Amino acid sequence: AVNSLGTHSVALCKNGKVITSDKRGVAPLTELIESGADISGFSAADRVVG
């Protein structure tokens, strides 16, 4: 996940699937959970901004 982070604020990876977001805080994760996305088993990396 760290290698996929680049300039994004968060990256989640599993079996070649990569999900990234540039939103701040926990918003990207809460939006994924609320949308019903199955992110179990994903590796995650985030960038501390500020």
PDB file of N, CA and C in Angstrom:
ATOM      1  N   ALA A   1       0.822  -1.197   0.000  1.00  0.00           N
ATOM      2  CA  ALA A   1       0.000   0.000   0.000  1.00  0.00           C
ATOM      3  C   ALA A   1       0.865   1.260   0.000  1.00  0.00           C
ATOM      4  N   VAL A   2       1.968   1.213   0.729  1.00  0.00           N
ATOM      5  CA  VAL A   2       2.844   2.383   0.794  1.00  0.00           C
ATOM      6  C   VAL A   2       3.369   2.737  -0.594  1.00  0.00           C
ATOM      7  N   ASN A   3       3.710   1.736  -1.389  1.00  0.00           N
ATOM      8  CA  ASN A   3       4.226   1.993  -2.739  1.00  0.00           C
ATOM      9  C   ASN A   3       3.176   2.610  -3.650  1.00  0.00           C
ATOM     10  N   SER A   4       1.902   2.417  -3.353  1.00  0.00           N
ATOM     11  CA  SER A   4       0.815   2.966  -4.171  1.00  0.00           C
ATOM     12  C   SER A   4       0.357   4.332  -3.683  1.00  0.00           C
ATOM     13  N   LEU A   5       0.873   4.769  -2.546  1.00  0.00           N
ATOM     14  CA  LEU A   5       0.411   6.014  -1.937  1.00  0.00           C
ATOM     15  C   LEU A   5       0.733   7.226  -2.808  1.00  0.00           C
ATOM     16  N   GLY A   6       1.954   7.320  -3.306  1.00  0.00           N
ATOM     17  CA  GLY A   6       2.327   8.469  -4.140  1.00  0.00           C
ATOM     18  C   GLY A   6       1.973   9.776  -3.462  1.00  0.00           C
ATOM     19  N   THR A   7       1.201  10.625  -4.135  1.00  0.00           N
ATOM     20  CA  THR A   7       0.783  11.903  -3.553  1.00  0.00           C
ATOM     21  C   THR A   7      -0.618  11.826  -2.952  1.00  0.00           C
ATOM     22  N   HIS A   8      -1.228  10.645  -2.975  1.00  0.00           N
ATOM     23  CA  HIS A   8      -2.570  10.475  -2.420  1.00  0.00           C
ATOM     24  C   HIS A   8      -2.527  10.510  -0.898  1.00  0.00           C
ATOM     25  N   SER A   9      -3.670  10.740  -0.267  1.00  0.00           N
ATOM     26  CA  SER A   9      -3.725  10.768   1.189  1.00  0.00           C
ATOM     27  C   SER A   9      -3.930   9.383   1.780  1.00  0.00           C
ATOM     28  N   VAL A  10      -4.497   8.463   0.997  1.00  0.00           N
ATOM     29  CA  VAL A  10      -4.700   7.096   1.478  1.00  0.00           C
ATOM     30  C   VAL A  10      -4.671   6.132   0.293  1.00  0.00           C
ATOM     31  N   ALA A  11      -4.155   4.939   0.543  1.00  0.00           N
ATOM     32  CA  ALA A  11      -4.144   3.890  -0.476  1.00  0.00           C
ATOM     33  C   ALA A  11      -4.459   2.562   0.195  1.00  0.00           C
ATOM     34  N   LEU A  12      -5.322   1.771  -0.438  1.00  0.00           N
ATOM     35  CA  LEU A  12      -5.645   0.428   0.029  1.00  0.00           C
ATOM     36  C   LEU A  12      -5.345  -0.537  -1.108  1.00  0.00           C
ATOM     37  N   CYS A  13      -4.721  -1.673  -0.796  1.00  0.00           N
ATOM     38  CA  CYS A  13      -4.312  -2.625  -1.833  1.00  0.00           C
ATOM     39  C   CYS A  13      -4.624  -4.052  -1.409  1.00  0.00           C
ATOM     40  N   LYS A  14      -5.026  -4.856  -2.411  1.00  0.00           N
ATOM     41  CA  LYS A  14      -5.245  -6.286  -2.187  1.00  0.00           C
ATOM     42  C   LYS A  14      -5.258  -6.985  -3.537  1.00  0.00           C
ATOM     43  N   ASN A  15      -4.406  -7.987  -3.690  1.00  0.00           N
ATOM     44  CA  ASN A  15      -4.373  -8.808  -4.904  1.00  0.00           C
ATOM     45  C   ASN A  15      -4.339  -7.983  -6.189  1.00  0.00           C
ATOM     46  N   GLY A  16      -3.547  -6.928  -6.208  1.00  0.00           N
ATOM     47  CA  GLY A  16      -3.420  -6.096  -7.397  1.00  0.00           C
ATOM     48  C   GLY A  16      -4.467  -5.012  -7.536  1.00  0.00           C
ATOM     49  N   LYS A  17      -5.504  -5.029  -6.703  1.00  0.00           N
ATOM     50  CA  LYS A  17      -6.517  -3.970  -6.735  1.00  0.00           C
ATOM     51  C   LYS A  17      -6.051  -2.836  -5.831  1.00  0.00           C
ATOM     52  N   VAL A  18      -6.090  -1.613  -6.349  1.00  0.00           N
ATOM     53  CA  VAL A  18      -5.637  -0.449  -5.598  1.00  0.00           C
ATOM     54  C   VAL A  18      -6.761   0.574  -5.541  1.00  0.00           C
ATOM     55  N   ILE A  19      -7.056   1.047  -4.342  1.00  0.00           N
ATOM     56  CA  ILE A  19      -8.040   2.111  -4.127  1.00  0.00           C
ATOM     57  C   ILE A  19      -7.285   3.281  -3.511  1.00  0.00           C
ATOM     58  N   THR A  20      -7.395   4.463  -4.115  1.00  0.00           N
ATOM     59  CA  THR A  20      -6.725   5.643  -3.574  1.00  0.00           C
ATOM     60  C   THR A  20      -7.725   6.774  -3.398  1.00  0.00           C
ATOM     61  N   SER A  21      -7.356   7.720  -2.549  1.00  0.00           N
ATOM     62  CA  SER A  21      -8.178   8.904  -2.346  1.00  0.00           C
ATOM     63  C   SER A  21      -7.275  10.065  -1.978  1.00  0.00           C
ATOM     64  N   ASP A  22      -7.739  11.253  -2.289  1.00  0.00           N
ATOM     65  CA  ASP A  22      -7.024  12.471  -1.929  1.00  0.00           C
ATOM     66  C   ASP A  22      -7.763  13.250  -0.846  1.00  0.00           C
ATOM     67  N   LYS A  23      -8.861  12.688  -0.356  1.00  0.00           N
ATOM     68  CA  LYS A  23      -9.622  13.365   0.693  1.00  0.00           C
ATOM     69  C   LYS A  23      -8.862  13.298   2.008  1.00  0.00           C
ATOM     70  N   ARG A  24      -9.197  14.211   2.908  1.00  0.00           N
ATOM     71  CA  ARG A  24      -8.499  14.315   4.184  1.00  0.00           C
ATOM     72  C   ARG A  24      -9.223  13.571   5.288  1.00  0.00           C
ATOM     73  N   GLY A  25      -8.480  13.274   6.326  1.00  0.00           N
ATOM     74  CA  GLY A  25      -9.043  12.646   7.516  1.00  0.00           C
ATOM     75  C   GLY A  25      -9.513  11.227   7.261  1.00  0.00           C
ATOM     76  N   VAL A  26     -10.557  10.835   7.995  1.00  0.00           N
ATOM     77  CA  VAL A  26     -11.089   9.476   7.874  1.00  0.00           C
ATOM     78  C   VAL A  26     -12.172   9.383   6.806  1.00  0.00           C
ATOM     79  N   ALA A  27     -12.461  10.487   6.118  1.00  0.00           N
ATOM     80  CA  ALA A  27     -13.527  10.514   5.112  1.00  0.00           C
ATOM     81  C   ALA A  27     -13.409   9.409   4.067  1.00  0.00           C
ATOM     82  N   PRO A  28     -12.224   9.152   3.511  1.00  0.00           N
ATOM     83  CA  PRO A  28     -12.152   8.097   2.492  1.00  0.00           C
ATOM     84  C   PRO A  28     -12.580   6.729   3.025  1.00  0.00           C
ATOM     85  N   LEU A  29     -12.160   6.395   4.228  1.00  0.00           N
ATOM     86  CA  LEU A  29     -12.507   5.095   4.800  1.00  0.00           C
ATOM     87  C   LEU A  29     -13.976   5.014   5.173  1.00  0.00           C
ATOM     88  N   THR A  30     -14.516   6.074   5.764  1.00  0.00           N
ATOM     89  CA  THR A  30     -15.932   6.030   6.130  1.00  0.00           C
ATOM     90  C   THR A  30     -16.817   5.973   4.891  1.00  0.00           C
ATOM     91  N   GLU A  31     -16.433   6.664   3.821  1.00  0.00           N
ATOM     92  CA  GLU A  31     -17.216   6.604   2.581  1.00  0.00           C
ATOM     93  C   GLU A  31     -17.198   5.202   1.981  1.00  0.00           C
ATOM     94  N   LEU A  32     -16.050   4.536   2.014  1.00  0.00           N
ATOM     95  CA  LEU A  32     -15.971   3.166   1.507  1.00  0.00           C
ATOM     96  C   LEU A  32     -16.861   2.232   2.317  1.00  0.00           C
ATOM     97  N   ILE A  33     -16.802   2.353   3.625  1.00  0.00           N
ATOM     98  CA  ILE A  33     -17.615   1.496   4.496  1.00  0.00           C
ATOM     99  C   ILE A  33     -19.094   1.763   4.277  1.00  0.00           C
ATOM    100  N   GLU A  34     -19.483   3.042   4.224  1.00  0.00           N
ATOM    101  CA  GLU A  34     -20.890   3.392   4.027  1.00  0.00           C
ATOM    102  C   GLU A  34     -21.411   2.953   2.663  1.00  0.00           C
ATOM    103  N   SER A  35     -20.524   2.864   1.668  1.00  0.00           N
ATOM    104  CA  SER A  35     -20.951   2.447   0.333  1.00  0.00           C
ATOM    105  C   SER A  35     -21.142   0.938   0.241  1.00  0.00           C
ATOM    106  N   GLY A  36     -20.704   0.234   1.272  1.00  0.00           N
ATOM    107  CA  GLY A  36     -20.839  -1.221   1.269  1.00  0.00           C
ATOM    108  C   GLY A  36     -19.667  -1.936   0.631  1.00  0.00           C
ATOM    109  N   ALA A  37     -18.621  -1.203   0.304  1.00  0.00           N
ATOM    110  CA  ALA A  37     -17.436  -1.818  -0.302  1.00  0.00           C
ATOM    111  C   ALA A  37     -16.808  -2.799   0.677  1.00  0.00           C
ATOM    112  N   ASP A  38     -16.411  -3.957   0.174  1.00  0.00           N
ATOM    113  CA  ASP A  38     -15.750  -4.958   1.007  1.00  0.00           C
ATOM    114  C   ASP A  38     -14.251  -4.701   0.961  1.00  0.00           C
ATOM    115  N   ILE A  39     -13.732  -4.077   2.005  1.00  0.00           N
ATOM    116  CA  ILE A  39     -12.309  -3.771   2.059  1.00  0.00           C
ATOM    117  C   ILE A  39     -11.589  -4.661   3.064  1.00  0.00           C
ATOM    118  N   SER A  40     -12.225  -5.749   3.458  1.00  0.00           N
ATOM    119  CA  SER A  40     -11.578  -6.668   4.394  1.00  0.00           C
ATOM    120  C   SER A  40     -10.365  -7.304   3.728  1.00  0.00           C
ATOM    121  N   GLY A  41      -9.294  -7.406   4.476  1.00  0.00           N
ATOM    122  CA  GLY A  41      -8.075  -8.004   3.963  1.00  0.00           C
ATOM    123  C   GLY A  41      -7.186  -7.064   3.173  1.00  0.00           C
ATOM    124  N   PHE A  42      -7.623  -5.832   2.960  1.00  0.00           N
ATOM    125  CA  PHE A  42      -6.805  -4.861   2.237  1.00  0.00           C
ATOM    126  C   PHE A  42      -5.696  -4.339   3.151  1.00  0.00           C
ATOM    127  N   SER A  43      -4.545  -4.054   2.575  1.00  0.00           N
ATOM    128  CA  SER A  43      -3.479  -3.348   3.276  1.00  0.00           C
ATOM    129  C   SER A  43      -3.722  -1.866   3.059  1.00  0.00           C
ATOM    130  N   ALA A  44      -3.457  -1.066   4.085  1.00  0.00           N
ATOM    131  CA  ALA A  44      -3.736   0.366   3.985  1.00  0.00           C
ATOM    132  C   ALA A  44      -2.510   1.184   4.364  1.00  0.00           C
ATOM    133  N   ALA A  45      -2.377   2.328   3.712  1.00  0.00           N
ATOM    134  CA  ALA A  45      -1.346   3.307   4.045  1.00  0.00           C
ATOM    135  C   ALA A  45      -1.978   4.680   3.940  1.00  0.00           C
ATOM    136  N   ASP A  46      -1.605   5.558   4.872  1.00  0.00           N
ATOM    137  CA  ASP A  46      -2.121   6.925   4.790  1.00  0.00           C
ATOM    138  C   ASP A  46      -0.984   7.904   5.008  1.00  0.00           C
ATOM    139  N   ARG A  47      -1.239   9.115   4.579  1.00  0.00           N
ATOM    140  CA  ARG A  47      -0.250  10.180   4.695  1.00  0.00           C
ATOM    141  C   ARG A  47      -0.780  11.161   5.731  1.00  0.00           C
ATOM    142  N   VAL A  48       0.035  11.427   6.727  1.00  0.00           N
ATOM    143  CA  VAL A  48      -0.338  12.410   7.732  1.00  0.00           C
ATOM    144  C   VAL A  48      -0.077  13.782   7.140  1.00  0.00           C
ATOM    145  N   VAL A  49      -1.139  14.580   7.038  1.00  0.00           N
ATOM    146  CA  VAL A  49      -1.033  15.909   6.441  1.00  0.00           C
ATOM    147  C   VAL A  49      -1.308  16.951   7.512  1.00  0.00           C
ATOM    148  N   GLY A  50      -0.433  17.941   7.635  1.00  0.00           N
ATOM    149  CA  GLY A  50      -0.650  19.019   8.586  1.00  0.00           C
ATOM    150  C   GLY A  50       0.129  18.768   9.804  1.00  0.00           C
TER     151      GLY A  50
END
